[in-house]
Amino acid sequence: MTTNGGKELKNTTSLIEQYAALAESHGKATEDGNSIEANAYYKDLTATFSEINKANERERLVTLLDHPNARVRAAAAFHTYKLNAERSAATLEQISQGDGLVAFSAAMTLKQLRNGGLKPP
């Protein structure tokens, strides 16, 4: 990767941080039952993912599979499934063993990824 004096790396790092913040906010709004906010955060999350993908930096999302927030790990696992299905599936499986909506969502996402009902981007 050309770093342009560190500028490109900084921009991508900012996108990864933005992605994590949006994934966390989307998950919280979803759990709180605030569909208007959840939908707005999801729209911003997918736009940020698109920017990361356009920069050919999707692999940097793999670092988020170790994020302390399960919502962030779940989103990153879905968006990195094509890169490393085994690790992404293990992350979703681990999250699914927890409690709450994020655990249920991780279990359903993994089930649908495995049976072909959901195609990762």
C-alpha atoms as a PDB file:
ATOM      1  CA  MET A   1       0.000   0.000   0.000  1.00  0.00           C
ATOM      2  CA  THR A   2       1.292   3.449  -0.865  1.00  0.00           C
ATOM      3  CA  THR A   3       1.106   5.550   2.227  1.00  0.00           C
ATOM      4  CA  ASN A   4       1.493   9.015   0.682  1.00  0.00           C
ATOM      5  CA  GLY A   5       3.476  10.124   3.701  1.00  0.00           C
ATOM      6  CA  GLY A   6       1.061   8.304   6.010  1.00  0.00           C
ATOM      7  CA  LYS A   7      -2.017  10.079   4.666  1.00  0.00           C
ATOM      8  CA  GLU A   8      -3.673   7.016   3.059  1.00  0.00           C
ATOM      9  CA  LEU A   9      -3.012   4.884   6.124  1.00  0.00           C
ATOM     10  CA  LYS A  10      -4.495   7.583   8.369  1.00  0.00           C
ATOM     11  CA  ASN A  11      -7.582   7.876   6.165  1.00  0.00           C
ATOM     12  CA  THR A  12      -8.119   4.113   6.186  1.00  0.00           C
ATOM     13  CA  THR A  13      -7.541   3.989   9.940  1.00  0.00           C
ATOM     14  CA  SER A  14     -10.169   6.699  10.343  1.00  0.00           C
ATOM     15  CA  LEU A  15     -12.583   4.667   8.219  1.00  0.00           C
ATOM     16  CA  ILE A  16     -11.984   1.568  10.351  1.00  0.00           C
ATOM     17  CA  GLU A  17     -12.598   3.576  13.516  1.00  0.00           C
ATOM     18  CA  GLN A  18     -15.725   5.093  11.957  1.00  0.00           C
ATOM     19  CA  TYR A  19     -16.925   1.615  10.952  1.00  0.00           C
ATOM     20  CA  ALA A  20     -16.479   0.364  14.529  1.00  0.00           C
ATOM     21  CA  ALA A  21     -18.334   3.338  16.003  1.00  0.00           C
ATOM     22  CA  LEU A  22     -21.207   2.961  13.533  1.00  0.00           C
ATOM     23  CA  ALA A  23     -21.477  -0.794  14.115  1.00  0.00           C
ATOM     24  CA  GLU A  24     -21.682  -0.201  17.852  1.00  0.00           C
ATOM     25  CA  SER A  25     -24.274   2.578  17.454  1.00  0.00           C
ATOM     26  CA  HIS A  26     -26.348   0.515  15.017  1.00  0.00           C
ATOM     27  CA  GLY A  27     -26.389  -2.421  17.403  1.00  0.00           C
ATOM     28  CA  LYS A  28     -27.350  -0.281  20.376  1.00  0.00           C
ATOM     29  CA  ALA A  29     -30.156   1.457  18.485  1.00  0.00           C
ATOM     30  CA  THR A  30     -31.428  -1.939  17.315  1.00  0.00           C
ATOM     31  CA  GLU A  31     -31.388  -3.337  20.844  1.00  0.00           C
ATOM     32  CA  ASP A  32     -33.125  -0.199  22.121  1.00  0.00           C
ATOM     33  CA  GLY A  33     -35.876  -0.703  19.533  1.00  0.00           C
ATOM     34  CA  ASN A  34     -35.168   2.609  17.815  1.00  0.00           C
ATOM     35  CA  SER A  35     -35.631   1.599  14.194  1.00  0.00           C
ATOM     36  CA  ILE A  36     -35.209   5.119  12.802  1.00  0.00           C
ATOM     37  CA  GLU A  37     -31.773   5.508  14.371  1.00  0.00           C
ATOM     38  CA  ALA A  38     -30.831   1.897  13.637  1.00  0.00           C
ATOM     39  CA  ASN A  39     -31.667   2.323   9.957  1.00  0.00           C
ATOM     40  CA  ALA A  40     -29.719   5.587   9.741  1.00  0.00           C
ATOM     41  CA  TYR A  41     -26.668   4.005  11.392  1.00  0.00           C
ATOM     42  CA  TYR A  42     -26.957   0.960   9.120  1.00  0.00           C
ATOM     43  CA  LYS A  43     -27.019   3.186   6.036  1.00  0.00           C
ATOM     44  CA  ASP A  44     -23.888   4.988   7.260  1.00  0.00           C
ATOM     45  CA  LEU A  45     -22.240   1.673   8.201  1.00  0.00           C
ATOM     46  CA  THR A  46     -22.769   0.204   4.740  1.00  0.00           C
ATOM     47  CA  ALA A  47     -21.516   3.424   3.114  1.00  0.00           C
ATOM     48  CA  THR A  48     -18.386   3.291   5.274  1.00  0.00           C
ATOM     49  CA  PHE A  49     -17.887  -0.378   4.389  1.00  0.00           C
ATOM     50  CA  SER A  50     -18.195   0.566   0.728  1.00  0.00           C
ATOM     51  CA  GLU A  51     -15.457   3.191   1.157  1.00  0.00           C
ATOM     52  CA  ILE A  52     -13.212   0.665   2.900  1.00  0.00           C
ATOM     53  CA  ASN A  53     -13.852  -1.818   0.103  1.00  0.00           C
ATOM     54  CA  LYS A  54     -13.150   0.774  -2.615  1.00  0.00           C
ATOM     55  CA  ALA A  55      -9.815   1.507  -0.942  1.00  0.00           C
ATOM     56  CA  ASN A  56      -9.016  -2.231  -1.145  1.00  0.00           C
ATOM     57  CA  GLU A  57      -8.647  -2.283   2.630  1.00  0.00           C
ATOM     58  CA  ARG A  58     -11.333  -4.809   3.604  1.00  0.00           C
ATOM     59  CA  GLU A  59      -8.665  -6.990   5.221  1.00  0.00           C
ATOM     60  CA  ARG A  60      -8.132  -4.253   7.824  1.00  0.00           C
ATOM     61  CA  LEU A  61     -11.605  -5.060   9.158  1.00  0.00           C
ATOM     62  CA  VAL A  62     -10.188  -8.385  10.376  1.00  0.00           C
ATOM     63  CA  THR A  63      -8.600  -6.467  13.267  1.00  0.00           C
ATOM     64  CA  LEU A  64     -12.129  -5.732  14.493  1.00  0.00           C
ATOM     65  CA  LEU A  65     -12.810  -9.441  15.045  1.00  0.00           C
ATOM     66  CA  ASP A  66     -10.996  -8.934  18.356  1.00  0.00           C
ATOM     67  CA  HIS A  67     -12.844  -5.734  19.283  1.00  0.00           C
ATOM     68  CA  PRO A  68     -14.190  -5.661  22.858  1.00  0.00           C
ATOM     69  CA  ASN A  69     -17.727  -4.867  21.640  1.00  0.00           C
ATOM     70  CA  ALA A  70     -19.704  -7.865  20.338  1.00  0.00           C
ATOM     71  CA  ARG A  71     -21.740  -5.669  17.973  1.00  0.00           C
ATOM     72  CA  VAL A  72     -18.556  -4.509  16.261  1.00  0.00           C
ATOM     73  CA  ARG A  73     -17.176  -8.055  16.071  1.00  0.00           C
ATOM     74  CA  ALA A  74     -20.438  -9.318  14.553  1.00  0.00           C
ATOM     75  CA  ALA A  75     -20.518  -6.654  11.836  1.00  0.00           C
ATOM     76  CA  ALA A  76     -16.841  -7.199  11.031  1.00  0.00           C
ATOM     77  CA  ALA A  77     -17.353 -10.980  10.902  1.00  0.00           C
ATOM     78  CA  PHE A  78     -20.094 -10.562   8.313  1.00  0.00           C
ATOM     79  CA  HIS A  79     -18.072  -8.123   6.206  1.00  0.00           C
ATOM     80  CA  THR A  80     -14.910 -10.270   6.317  1.00  0.00           C
ATOM     81  CA  TYR A  81     -16.630 -13.616   5.720  1.00  0.00           C
ATOM     82  CA  LYS A  82     -15.377 -13.766   2.115  1.00  0.00           C
ATOM     83  CA  LEU A  83     -11.808 -13.179   3.275  1.00  0.00           C
ATOM     84  CA  ASN A  84     -11.718 -15.809   6.000  1.00  0.00           C
ATOM     85  CA  ALA A  85     -14.950 -17.737   6.432  1.00  0.00           C
ATOM     86  CA  GLU A  86     -13.496 -19.971   9.140  1.00  0.00           C
ATOM     87  CA  ARG A  87     -12.381 -17.118  11.411  1.00  0.00           C
ATOM     88  CA  SER A  88     -15.515 -15.073  10.759  1.00  0.00           C
ATOM     89  CA  ALA A  89     -17.721 -18.080  11.509  1.00  0.00           C
ATOM     90  CA  ALA A  90     -15.793 -18.756  14.730  1.00  0.00           C
ATOM     91  CA  THR A  91     -16.334 -15.141  15.770  1.00  0.00           C
ATOM     92  CA  LEU A  92     -20.076 -15.329  15.071  1.00  0.00           C
ATOM     93  CA  GLU A  93     -20.273 -18.668  16.896  1.00  0.00           C
ATOM     94  CA  GLN A  94     -18.556 -17.195  19.951  1.00  0.00           C
ATOM     95  CA  ILE A  95     -20.892 -14.178  19.960  1.00  0.00           C
ATOM     96  CA  SER A  96     -23.925 -16.460  19.588  1.00  0.00           C
ATOM     97  CA  GLN A  97     -23.052 -18.133  22.886  1.00  0.00           C
ATOM     98  CA  GLY A  98     -23.735 -14.861  24.729  1.00  0.00           C
ATOM     99  CA  ASP A  99     -26.945 -13.143  25.674  1.00  0.00           C
ATOM    100  CA  GLY A 100     -29.227 -10.640  24.053  1.00  0.00           C
ATOM    101  CA  LEU A 101     -30.143  -9.601  20.569  1.00  0.00           C
ATOM    102  CA  VAL A 102     -26.548  -9.517  19.329  1.00  0.00           C
ATOM    103  CA  ALA A 103     -26.150 -13.214  20.251  1.00  0.00           C
ATOM    104  CA  PHE A 104     -29.383 -14.157  18.495  1.00  0.00           C
ATOM    105  CA  SER A 105     -28.454 -12.070  15.462  1.00  0.00           C
ATOM    106  CA  ALA A 106     -24.999 -13.666  15.272  1.00  0.00           C
ATOM    107  CA  ALA A 107     -26.543 -17.147  15.401  1.00  0.00           C
ATOM    108  CA  MET A 108     -29.039 -16.341  12.643  1.00  0.00           C
ATOM    109  CA  THR A 109     -26.404 -14.632  10.489  1.00  0.00           C
ATOM    110  CA  LEU A 110     -24.123 -17.646  10.764  1.00  0.00           C
ATOM    111  CA  LYS A 111     -26.974 -20.057   9.993  1.00  0.00           C
ATOM    112  CA  GLN A 112     -27.958 -18.083   6.893  1.00  0.00           C
ATOM    113  CA  LEU A 113     -24.350 -17.723   5.703  1.00  0.00           C
ATOM    114  CA  ARG A 114     -23.856 -21.476   5.996  1.00  0.00           C
ATOM    115  CA  ASN A 115     -27.077 -22.450   4.228  1.00  0.00           C
ATOM    116  CA  GLY A 116     -26.694 -19.850   1.457  1.00  0.00           C
ATOM    117  CA  GLY A 117     -29.658 -17.727   2.510  1.00  0.00           C
ATOM    118  CA  LEU A 118     -27.396 -14.746   3.067  1.00  0.00           C
ATOM    119  CA  LYS A 119     -24.607 -13.698   0.734  1.00  0.00           C
ATOM    120  CA  PRO A 120     -21.738 -11.738   2.261  1.00  0.00           C
ATOM    121  CA  PRO A 121     -20.684  -8.631   0.369  1.00  0.00           C
END
